[in-house]
PDB file of N, CA and C in Angstrom:
ATOM      1  N   UNK A   1      94.959  59.207 130.977  1.00  0.00           N
ATOM      2  CA  UNK A   1      94.704  60.210 129.961  1.00  0.00           C
ATOM      3  C   UNK A   1      95.150  61.573 130.485  1.00  0.00           C
ATOM      4  N   UNK A   2      95.933  62.273 129.709  1.00  0.00           N
ATOM      5  CA  UNK A   2      96.432  63.577 130.128  1.00  0.00           C
ATOM      6  C   UNK A   2      95.352  64.636 129.970  1.00  0.00           C
ATOM      7  N   UNK A   3      95.204  65.456 130.988  1.00  0.00           N
ATOM      8  CA  UNK A   3      94.217  66.530 130.942  1.00  0.00           C
ATOM      9  C   UNK A   3      94.736  67.647 130.049  1.00  0.00           C
ATOM     10  N   UNK A   4      93.887  68.171 129.178  1.00  0.00           N
ATOM     11  CA  UNK A   4      94.308  69.253 128.300  1.00  0.00           C
ATOM     12  C   UNK A   4      94.239  70.577 129.030  1.00  0.00           C
ATOM     13  N   UNK A   5      95.018  71.512 128.557  1.00  0.00           N
ATOM     14  CA  UNK A   5      95.046  72.843 129.163  1.00  0.00           C
ATOM     15  C   UNK A   5      93.650  73.461 129.167  1.00  0.00           C
ATOM     16  N   UNK A   6      92.920  73.303 128.040  1.00  0.00           N
ATOM     17  CA  UNK A   6      91.614  73.917 127.929  1.00  0.00           C
ATOM     18  C   UNK A   6      90.647  73.414 128.999  1.00  0.00           C
ATOM     19  N   UNK A   7      90.742  72.144 129.355  1.00  0.00           N
ATOM     20  CA  UNK A   7      89.798  71.588 130.316  1.00  0.00           C
ATOM     21  C   UNK A   7      90.085  72.056 131.738  1.00  0.00           C
ATOM     22  N   UNK A   8      91.223  72.696 131.952  1.00  0.00           N
ATOM     23  CA  UNK A   8      91.571  73.127 133.298  1.00  0.00           C
ATOM     24  C   UNK A   8      91.297  74.601 133.554  1.00  0.00           C
ATOM     25  N   UNK A   9      90.815  75.320 132.562  1.00  0.00           N
ATOM     26  CA  UNK A   9      90.612  76.763 132.708  1.00  0.00           C
ATOM     27  C   UNK A   9      89.125  77.049 132.882  1.00  0.00           C
ATOM     28  N   UNK A  10      88.820  77.839 133.925  1.00  0.00           N
ATOM     29  CA  UNK A  10      87.423  78.171 134.225  1.00  0.00           C
ATOM     30  C   UNK A  10      87.314  79.642 134.592  1.00  0.00           C
ATOM     31  N   UNK A  11      86.217  80.242 134.151  1.00  0.00           N
ATOM     32  CA  UNK A  11      85.905  81.626 134.487  1.00  0.00           C
ATOM     33  C   UNK A  11      84.669  81.633 135.368  1.00  0.00           C
ATOM     34  N   UNK A  12      84.807  82.208 136.547  1.00  0.00           N
ATOM     35  CA  UNK A  12      83.692  82.369 137.476  1.00  0.00           C
ATOM     36  C   UNK A  12      83.298  83.842 137.428  1.00  0.00           C
ATOM     37  N   UNK A  13      82.022  84.125 137.194  1.00  0.00           N
ATOM     38  CA  UNK A  13      81.583  85.509 136.998  1.00  0.00           C
ATOM     39  C   UNK A  13      80.090  85.614 137.288  1.00  0.00           C
ATOM     40  N   UNK A  14      79.585  86.829 137.243  1.00  0.00           N
ATOM     41  CA  UNK A  14      78.142  87.036 137.137  1.00  0.00           C
ATOM     42  C   UNK A  14      77.913  88.261 136.262  1.00  0.00           C
ATOM     43  N   UNK A  15      76.816  88.241 135.520  1.00  0.00           N
ATOM     44  CA  UNK A  15      76.458  89.371 134.670  1.00  0.00           C
ATOM     45  C   UNK A  15      76.228  90.590 135.553  1.00  0.00           C
ATOM     46  N   UNK A  16      76.721  91.701 135.121  1.00  0.00           N
ATOM     47  CA  UNK A  16      76.610  92.927 135.903  1.00  0.00           C
ATOM     48  C   UNK A  16      77.913  93.298 136.575  1.00  0.00           C
ATOM     49  N   UNK A  17      78.817  92.360 136.695  1.00  0.00           N
ATOM     50  CA  UNK A  17      80.137  92.677 137.239  1.00  0.00           C
ATOM     51  C   UNK A  17      80.929  93.362 136.124  1.00  0.00           C
ATOM     52  N   UNK A  18      81.392  94.582 136.349  1.00  0.00           N
ATOM     53  CA  UNK A  18      82.044  95.328 135.272  1.00  0.00           C
ATOM     54  C   UNK A  18      83.361  94.718 134.794  1.00  0.00           C
ATOM     55  N   UNK A  19      83.971  93.831 135.566  1.00  0.00           N
ATOM     56  CA  UNK A  19      85.252  93.246 135.177  1.00  0.00           C
ATOM     57  C   UNK A  19      85.125  91.896 134.477  1.00  0.00           C
ATOM     58  N   UNK A  20      83.928  91.334 134.424  1.00  0.00           N
ATOM     59  CA  UNK A  20      83.729  90.009 133.820  1.00  0.00           C
ATOM     60  C   UNK A  20      84.059  90.019 132.331  1.00  0.00           C
ATOM     61  N   UNK A  21      83.621  91.041 131.608  1.00  0.00           N
ATOM     62  CA  UNK A  21      83.907  91.108 130.171  1.00  0.00           C
ATOM     63  C   UNK A  21      85.406  91.236 129.908  1.00  0.00           C
ATOM     64  N   UNK A  22      86.107  92.011 130.712  1.00  0.00           N
ATOM     65  CA  UNK A  22      87.557  92.161 130.554  1.00  0.00           C
ATOM     66  C   UNK A  22      88.267  90.824 130.803  1.00  0.00           C
ATOM     67  N   UNK A  23      87.824  90.087 131.806  1.00  0.00           N
ATOM     68  CA  UNK A  23      88.418  88.773 132.082  1.00  0.00           C
ATOM     69  C   UNK A  23      88.210  87.843 130.889  1.00  0.00           C
ATOM     70  N   UNK A  24      87.016  87.856 130.324  1.00  0.00           N
ATOM     71  CA  UNK A  24      86.710  87.035 129.149  1.00  0.00           C
ATOM     72  C   UNK A  24      87.589  87.453 127.959  1.00  0.00           C
ATOM     73  N   UNK A  25      87.762  88.749 127.749  1.00  0.00           N
ATOM     74  CA  UNK A  25      88.625  89.245 126.668  1.00  0.00           C
ATOM     75  C   UNK A  25      90.066  88.792 126.871  1.00  0.00           C
ATOM     76  N   UNK A  26      90.543  88.852 128.100  1.00  0.00           N
ATOM     77  CA  UNK A  26      91.914  88.424 128.386  1.00  0.00           C
ATOM     78  C   UNK A  26      92.084  86.924 128.155  1.00  0.00           C
ATOM     79  N   UNK A  27      91.092  86.135 128.546  1.00  0.00           N
ATOM     80  CA  UNK A  27      91.139  84.698 128.266  1.00  0.00           C
ATOM     81  C   UNK A  27      91.164  84.442 126.765  1.00  0.00           C
ATOM     82  N   UNK A  28      90.333  85.151 126.036  1.00  0.00           N
ATOM     83  CA  UNK A  28      90.267  84.996 124.579  1.00  0.00           C
ATOM     84  C   UNK A  28      91.623  85.354 123.941  1.00  0.00           C
ATOM     85  N   UNK A  29      92.279  86.382 124.452  1.00  0.00           N
ATOM     86  CA  UNK A  29      93.584  86.792 123.919  1.00  0.00           C
ATOM     87  C   UNK A  29      94.647  85.727 124.160  1.00  0.00           C
ATOM     88  N   UNK A  30      94.547  85.010 125.266  1.00  0.00           N
ATOM     89  CA  UNK A  30      95.543  83.993 125.613  1.00  0.00           C
ATOM     90  C   UNK A  30      95.219  82.637 124.993  1.00  0.00           C
ATOM     91  N   UNK A  31      93.950  82.242 125.039  1.00  0.00           N
ATOM     92  CA  UNK A  31      93.570  80.877 124.660  1.00  0.00           C
ATOM     93  C   UNK A  31      92.816  80.749 123.348  1.00  0.00           C
ATOM     94  N   UNK A  32      92.238  81.817 122.864  1.00  0.00           N
ATOM     95  CA  UNK A  32      91.358  81.720 121.712  1.00  0.00           C
ATOM     96  C   UNK A  32      89.914  81.632 122.184  1.00  0.00           C
ATOM     97  N   UNK A  33      89.016  81.544 121.250  1.00  0.00           N
ATOM     98  CA  UNK A  33      87.583  81.560 121.558  1.00  0.00           C
ATOM     99  C   UNK A  33      87.108  80.255 122.196  1.00  0.00           C
ATOM    100  N   UNK A  34      86.427  80.366 123.316  1.00  0.00           N
ATOM    101  CA  UNK A  34      85.729  79.230 123.918  1.00  0.00           C
ATOM    102  C   UNK A  34      86.590  78.107 124.448  1.00  0.00           C
ATOM    103  N   UNK A  35      87.844  78.371 124.784  1.00  0.00           N
ATOM    104  CA  UNK A  35      88.746  77.319 125.256  1.00  0.00           C
ATOM    105  C   UNK A  35      88.742  77.195 126.774  1.00  0.00           C
ATOM    106  N   UNK A  36      87.643  77.557 127.403  1.00  0.00           N
ATOM    107  CA  UNK A  36      87.513  77.476 128.859  1.00  0.00           C
ATOM    108  C   UNK A  36      86.047  77.220 129.189  1.00  0.00           C
ATOM    109  N   UNK A  37      85.795  76.907 130.445  1.00  0.00           N
ATOM    110  CA  UNK A  37      84.432  76.705 130.940  1.00  0.00           C
ATOM    111  C   UNK A  37      84.045  77.926 131.752  1.00  0.00           C
ATOM    112  N   UNK A  38      82.794  78.353 131.613  1.00  0.00           N
ATOM    113  CA  UNK A  38      82.313  79.500 132.385  1.00  0.00           C
ATOM    114  C   UNK A  38      81.275  79.046 133.408  1.00  0.00           C
ATOM    115  N   UNK A  39      81.354  79.627 134.587  1.00  0.00           N
ATOM    116  CA  UNK A  39      80.402  79.370 135.674  1.00  0.00           C
ATOM    117  C   UNK A  39      79.780  80.687 136.099  1.00  0.00           C
ATOM    118  N   UNK A  40      78.497  80.836 135.843  1.00  0.00           N
ATOM    119  CA  UNK A  40      77.745  82.041 136.197  1.00  0.00           C
ATOM    120  C   UNK A  40      77.232  81.896 137.627  1.00  0.00           C
ATOM    121  N   UNK A  41      77.690  82.766 138.499  1.00  0.00           N
ATOM    122  CA  UNK A  41      77.300  82.688 139.909  1.00  0.00           C
ATOM    123  C   UNK A  41      75.803  82.866 140.121  1.00  0.00           C
ATOM    124  N   UNK A  42      75.110  83.463 139.171  1.00  0.00           N
ATOM    125  CA  UNK A  42      73.671  83.655 139.327  1.00  0.00           C
ATOM    126  C   UNK A  42      72.861  82.475 138.790  1.00  0.00           C
ATOM    127  N   UNK A  43      73.520  81.498 138.173  1.00  0.00           N
ATOM    128  CA  UNK A  43      72.820  80.317 137.649  1.00  0.00           C
ATOM    129  C   UNK A  43      72.654  79.274 138.747  1.00  0.00           C
ATOM    130  N   UNK A  44      71.469  78.719 138.845  1.00  0.00           N
ATOM    131  CA  UNK A  44      71.184  77.733 139.890  1.00  0.00           C
ATOM    132  C   UNK A  44      72.022  76.468 139.767  1.00  0.00           C
ATOM    133  N   UNK A  45      72.429  76.112 138.543  1.00  0.00           N
ATOM    134  CA  UNK A  45      73.162  74.865 138.345  1.00  0.00           C
ATOM    135  C   UNK A  45      74.683  75.009 138.488  1.00  0.00           C
ATOM    136  N   UNK A  46      75.176  76.193 138.853  1.00  0.00           N
ATOM    137  CA  UNK A  46      76.610  76.358 139.100  1.00  0.00           C
ATOM    138  C   UNK A  46      76.977  75.596 140.372  1.00  0.00           C
ATOM    139  N   UNK A  47      77.955  74.690 140.281  1.00  0.00           N
ATOM    140  CA  UNK A  47      78.343  73.892 141.451  1.00  0.00           C
ATOM    141  C   UNK A  47      78.792  74.755 142.634  1.00  0.00           C
ATOM    142  N   UNK A  48      78.497  74.284 143.802  1.00  0.00           N
ATOM    143  CA  UNK A  48      78.776  75.014 145.043  1.00  0.00           C
ATOM    144  C   UNK A  48      80.246  75.438 145.205  1.00  0.00           C
ATOM    145  N   UNK A  49      81.222  74.596 144.854  1.00  0.00           N
ATOM    146  CA  UNK A  49      82.619  75.027 145.048  1.00  0.00           C
ATOM    147  C   UNK A  49      82.987  76.317 144.316  1.00  0.00           C
ATOM    148  N   UNK A  50      82.318  76.618 143.217  1.00  0.00           N
ATOM    149  CA  UNK A  50      82.621  77.845 142.475  1.00  0.00           C
ATOM    150  C   UNK A  50      82.001  79.075 143.127  1.00  0.00           C
ATOM    151  N   UNK A  51      81.019  78.880 143.963  1.00  0.00           N
ATOM    152  CA  UNK A  51      80.297  79.990 144.589  1.00  0.00           C
ATOM    153  C   UNK A  51      81.113  80.710 145.658  1.00  0.00           C
ATOM    154  N   UNK A  52      82.254  80.174 146.011  1.00  0.00           N
ATOM    155  CA  UNK A  52      83.097  80.826 147.021  1.00  0.00           C
ATOM    156  C   UNK A  52      84.036  81.860 146.417  1.00  0.00           C
ATOM    157  N   UNK A  53      83.967  82.025 145.098  1.00  0.00           N
ATOM    158  CA  UNK A  53      84.829  82.980 144.403  1.00  0.00           C
ATOM    159  C   UNK A  53      84.055  84.227 144.003  1.00  0.00           C
ATOM    160  N   UNK A  54      84.743  85.358 144.020  1.00  0.00           N
ATOM    161  CA  UNK A  54      84.154  86.593 143.529  1.00  0.00           C
ATOM    162  C   UNK A  54      84.255  86.653 142.014  1.00  0.00           C
ATOM    163  N   UNK A  55      83.651  87.660 141.429  1.00  0.00           N
ATOM    164  CA  UNK A  55      83.632  87.830 139.984  1.00  0.00           C
ATOM    165  C   UNK A  55      84.539  88.980 139.575  1.00  0.00           C
ATOM    166  N   UNK A  56      85.374  88.792 138.582  1.00  0.00           N
ATOM    167  CA  UNK A  56      85.659  87.555 137.880  1.00  0.00           C
ATOM    168  C   UNK A  56      86.840  86.823 138.525  1.00  0.00           C
ATOM    169  N   UNK A  57      86.752  85.524 138.542  1.00  0.00           N
ATOM    170  CA  UNK A  57      87.868  84.691 138.969  1.00  0.00           C
ATOM    171  C   UNK A  57      88.208  83.763 137.821  1.00  0.00           C
ATOM    172  N   UNK A  58      89.475  83.663 137.507  1.00  0.00           N
ATOM    173  CA  UNK A  58      89.944  82.691 136.525  1.00  0.00           C
ATOM    174  C   UNK A  58      90.712  81.620 137.277  1.00  0.00           C
ATOM    175  N   UNK A  59      90.278  80.390 137.077  1.00  0.00           N
ATOM    176  CA  UNK A  59      90.906  79.240 137.724  1.00  0.00           C
ATOM    177  C   UNK A  59      91.663  78.422 136.686  1.00  0.00           C
ATOM    178  N   UNK A  60      92.859  78.016 137.028  1.00  0.00           N
ATOM    179  CA  UNK A  60      93.632  77.075 136.215  1.00  0.00           C
ATOM    180  C   UNK A  60      93.955  75.901 137.118  1.00  0.00           C
ATOM    181  N   UNK A  61      93.482  74.733 136.729  1.00  0.00           N
ATOM    182  CA  UNK A  61      93.672  73.562 137.576  1.00  0.00           C
ATOM    183  C   UNK A  61      93.019  73.718 138.937  1.00  0.00           C
ATOM    184  N   UNK A  62      91.934  74.496 138.989  1.00  0.00           N
ATOM    185  CA  UNK A  62      91.209  74.706 140.238  1.00  0.00           C
ATOM    186  C   UNK A  62      91.775  75.785 141.135  1.00  0.00           C
ATOM    187  N   UNK A  63      92.855  76.438 140.709  1.00  0.00           N
ATOM    188  CA  UNK A  63      93.492  77.479 141.515  1.00  0.00           C
ATOM    189  C   UNK A  63      93.330  78.844 140.869  1.00  0.00           C
ATOM    190  N   UNK A  64      93.045  79.820 141.688  1.00  0.00           N
ATOM    191  CA  UNK A  64      92.919  81.207 141.227  1.00  0.00           C
ATOM    192  C   UNK A  64      94.258  81.662 140.646  1.00  0.00           C
ATOM    193  N   UNK A  65      94.230  82.217 139.444  1.00  0.00           N
ATOM    194  CA  UNK A  65      95.468  82.638 138.788  1.00  0.00           C
ATOM    195  C   UNK A  65      96.191  83.737 139.554  1.00  0.00           C
ATOM    196  N   UNK A  66      95.491  84.467 140.417  1.00  0.00           N
ATOM    197  CA  UNK A  66      96.127  85.534 141.190  1.00  0.00           C
ATOM    198  C   UNK A  66      96.708  85.021 142.504  1.00  0.00           C
ATOM    199  N   UNK A  67      96.431  83.757 142.827  1.00  0.00           N
ATOM    200  CA  UNK A  67      96.904  83.198 144.084  1.00  0.00           C
ATOM    201  C   UNK A  67      95.960  83.426 145.246  1.00  0.00           C
ATOM    202  N   UNK A  68      94.864  84.139 145.007  1.00  0.00           N
ATOM    203  CA  UNK A  68      93.893  84.400 146.068  1.00  0.00           C
ATOM    204  C   UNK A  68      93.157  83.111 146.433  1.00  0.00           C
ATOM    205  N   UNK A  69      92.806  82.998 147.666  1.00  0.00           N
ATOM    206  CA  UNK A  69      92.005  81.872 148.139  1.00  0.00           C
ATOM    207  C   UNK A  69      90.536  82.251 148.077  1.00  0.00           C
ATOM    208  N   UNK A  70      89.698  81.318 147.676  1.00  0.00           N
ATOM    209  CA  UNK A  70      88.258  81.567 147.675  1.00  0.00           C
ATOM    210  C   UNK A  70      87.759  81.708 149.090  1.00  0.00           C
ATOM    211  N   UNK A  71      86.780  82.531 149.274  1.00  0.00           N
ATOM    212  CA  UNK A  71      86.207  82.728 150.599  1.00  0.00           C
ATOM    213  C   UNK A  71      84.704  82.641 150.508  1.00  0.00           C
ATOM    214  N   UNK A  72      84.042  83.614 151.038  1.00  0.00           N
ATOM    215  CA  UNK A  72      82.591  83.705 150.965  1.00  0.00           C
ATOM    216  C   UNK A  72      82.207  84.915 150.132  1.00  0.00           C
ATOM    217  N   UNK A  73      82.874  85.072 148.993  1.00  0.00           N
ATOM    218  CA  UNK A  73      82.720  86.279 148.192  1.00  0.00           C
ATOM    219  C   UNK A  73      81.666  86.154 147.100  1.00  0.00           C
ATOM    220  N   UNK A  74      80.834  85.151 147.158  1.00  0.00           N
ATOM    221  CA  UNK A  74      79.867  84.911 146.091  1.00  0.00           C
ATOM    222  C   UNK A  74      79.042  86.159 145.816  1.00  0.00           C
ATOM    223  N   UNK A  75      78.787  86.382 144.536  1.00  0.00           N
ATOM    224  CA  UNK A  75      77.997  87.512 144.047  1.00  0.00           C
ATOM    225  C   UNK A  75      78.604  88.855 144.446  1.00  0.00           C
ATOM    226  N   UNK A  76      79.914  88.887 144.518  1.00  0.00           N
ATOM    227  CA  UNK A  76      80.622  90.134 144.765  1.00  0.00           C
ATOM    228  C   UNK A  76      81.645  90.326 143.661  1.00  0.00           C
ATOM    229  N   UNK A  77      81.831  91.561 143.240  1.00  0.00           N
ATOM    230  CA  UNK A  77      82.886  91.857 142.272  1.00  0.00           C
ATOM    231  C   UNK A  77      84.207  91.954 143.021  1.00  0.00           C
ATOM    232  N   UNK A  78      85.224  91.391 142.444  1.00  0.00           N
ATOM    233  CA  UNK A  78      86.544  91.443 143.054  1.00  0.00           C
ATOM    234  C   UNK A  78      87.107  92.857 142.965  1.00  0.00           C
ATOM    235  N   UNK A  79      87.714  93.305 144.025  1.00  0.00           N
ATOM    236  CA  UNK A  79      88.306  94.633 144.062  1.00  0.00           C
ATOM    237  C   UNK A  79      89.546  94.733 143.183  1.00  0.00           C
ATOM    238  N   UNK A  80      90.204  93.592 142.922  1.00  0.00           N
ATOM    239  CA  UNK A  80      91.428  93.611 142.129  1.00  0.00           C
ATOM    240  C   UNK A  80      91.178  93.536 140.624  1.00  0.00           C
ATOM    241  N   UNK A  81      89.925  93.512 140.200  1.00  0.00           N
ATOM    242  CA  UNK A  81      89.580  93.532 138.782  1.00  0.00           C
ATOM    243  C   UNK A  81      89.857  92.224 138.075  1.00  0.00           C
ATOM    244  N   UNK A  82      89.999  92.303 136.756  1.00  0.00           N
ATOM    245  CA  UNK A  82      90.226  91.126 135.926  1.00  0.00           C
ATOM    246  C   UNK A  82      91.714  90.786 135.879  1.00  0.00           C
ATOM    247  N   UNK A  83      92.051  89.499 135.971  1.00  0.00           N
ATOM    248  CA  UNK A  83      93.456  89.108 135.827  1.00  0.00           C
ATOM    249  C   UNK A  83      93.982  89.484 134.435  1.00  0.00           C
ATOM    250  N   UNK A  84      95.208  89.964 134.386  1.00  0.00           N
ATOM    251  CA  UNK A  84      95.818  90.368 133.120  1.00  0.00           C
ATOM    252  C   UNK A  84      96.197  89.145 132.290  1.00  0.00           C
ATOM    253  N   UNK A  85      96.486  89.374 131.022  1.00  0.00           N
ATOM    254  CA  UNK A  85      96.938  88.285 130.167  1.00  0.00           C
ATOM    255  C   UNK A  85      98.254  87.703 130.675  1.00  0.00           C
ATOM    256  N   UNK A  86      99.132  88.543 131.212  1.00  0.00           N
ATOM    257  CA  UNK A  86     100.411  88.048 131.748  1.00  0.00           C
ATOM    258  C   UNK A  86     100.191  87.106 132.928  1.00  0.00           C
ATOM    259  N   UNK A  87      99.273  87.462 133.818  1.00  0.00           N
ATOM    260  CA  UNK A  87      98.969  86.606 134.969  1.00  0.00           C
ATOM    261  C   UNK A  87      98.378  85.276 134.500  1.00  0.00           C
ATOM    262  N   UNK A  88      97.499  85.324 133.510  1.00  0.00           N
ATOM    263  CA  UNK A  88      96.892  84.095 132.981  1.00  0.00           C
ATOM    264  C   UNK A  88      97.964  83.216 132.345  1.00  0.00           C
ATOM    265  N   UNK A  89      98.819  83.800 131.528  1.00  0.00           N
ATOM    266  CA  UNK A  89      99.894  83.023 130.881  1.00  0.00           C
ATOM    267  C   UNK A  89     100.822  82.384 131.908  1.00  0.00           C
ATOM    268  N   UNK A  90     101.166  83.128 132.932  1.00  0.00           N
ATOM    269  CA  UNK A  90     102.055  82.608 133.982  1.00  0.00           C
ATOM    270  C   UNK A  90     101.400  81.424 134.690  1.00  0.00           C
ATOM    271  N   UNK A  91     100.114  81.545 134.995  1.00  0.00           N
ATOM    272  CA  UNK A  91      99.407  80.449 135.672  1.00  0.00           C
ATOM    273  C   UNK A  91      99.339  79.205 134.788  1.00  0.00           C
ATOM    274  N   UNK A  92      99.117  79.396 133.494  1.00  0.00           N
ATOM    275  CA  UNK A  92      99.098  78.266 132.572  1.00  0.00           C
ATOM    276  C   UNK A  92     100.462  77.603 132.484  1.00  0.00           C
ATOM    277  N   UNK A  93     101.523  78.392 132.435  1.00  0.00           N
ATOM    278  CA  UNK A  93     102.877  77.840 132.362  1.00  0.00           C
ATOM    279  C   UNK A  93     103.212  77.083 133.653  1.00  0.00           C
ATOM    280  N   UNK A  94     102.816  77.627 134.800  1.00  0.00           N
ATOM    281  CA  UNK A  94     103.085  76.982 136.078  1.00  0.00           C
ATOM    282  C   UNK A  94     102.308  75.682 136.219  1.00  0.00           C
ATOM    283  N   UNK A  95     101.125  75.641 135.609  1.00  0.00           N
ATOM    284  CA  UNK A  95     100.274  74.439 135.696  1.00  0.00           C
ATOM    285  C   UNK A  95     100.809  73.316 134.812  1.00  0.00           C
ATOM    286  N   UNK A  96     101.522  73.693 133.788  1.00  0.00           N
ATOM    287  CA  UNK A  96     102.170  72.686 133.003  1.00  0.00           C
ATOM    288  C   UNK A  96     101.626  72.348 131.709  1.00  0.00           C
TER     289      UNK A  96
END
């Protein structure tokens, strides 16, 4: 079964990060409403692998759209802000 594009897109964030809303808006502009999964770093049920990313991180096929590697940045806002719509589109095209 072929994986759909929507099932491969994830937003890692936490409330209070000033760039999380912009990342969500950019995803909405590229994919439409609700075509991705969100992982809240402050939620207890967020799987551990997502906790190594800062907020906001957009993953396509499990890879950060900016090319950054996850580290120990949990509950930290990313200094590079929200990925642009162009970066998101490029990552989706590269993913196939």
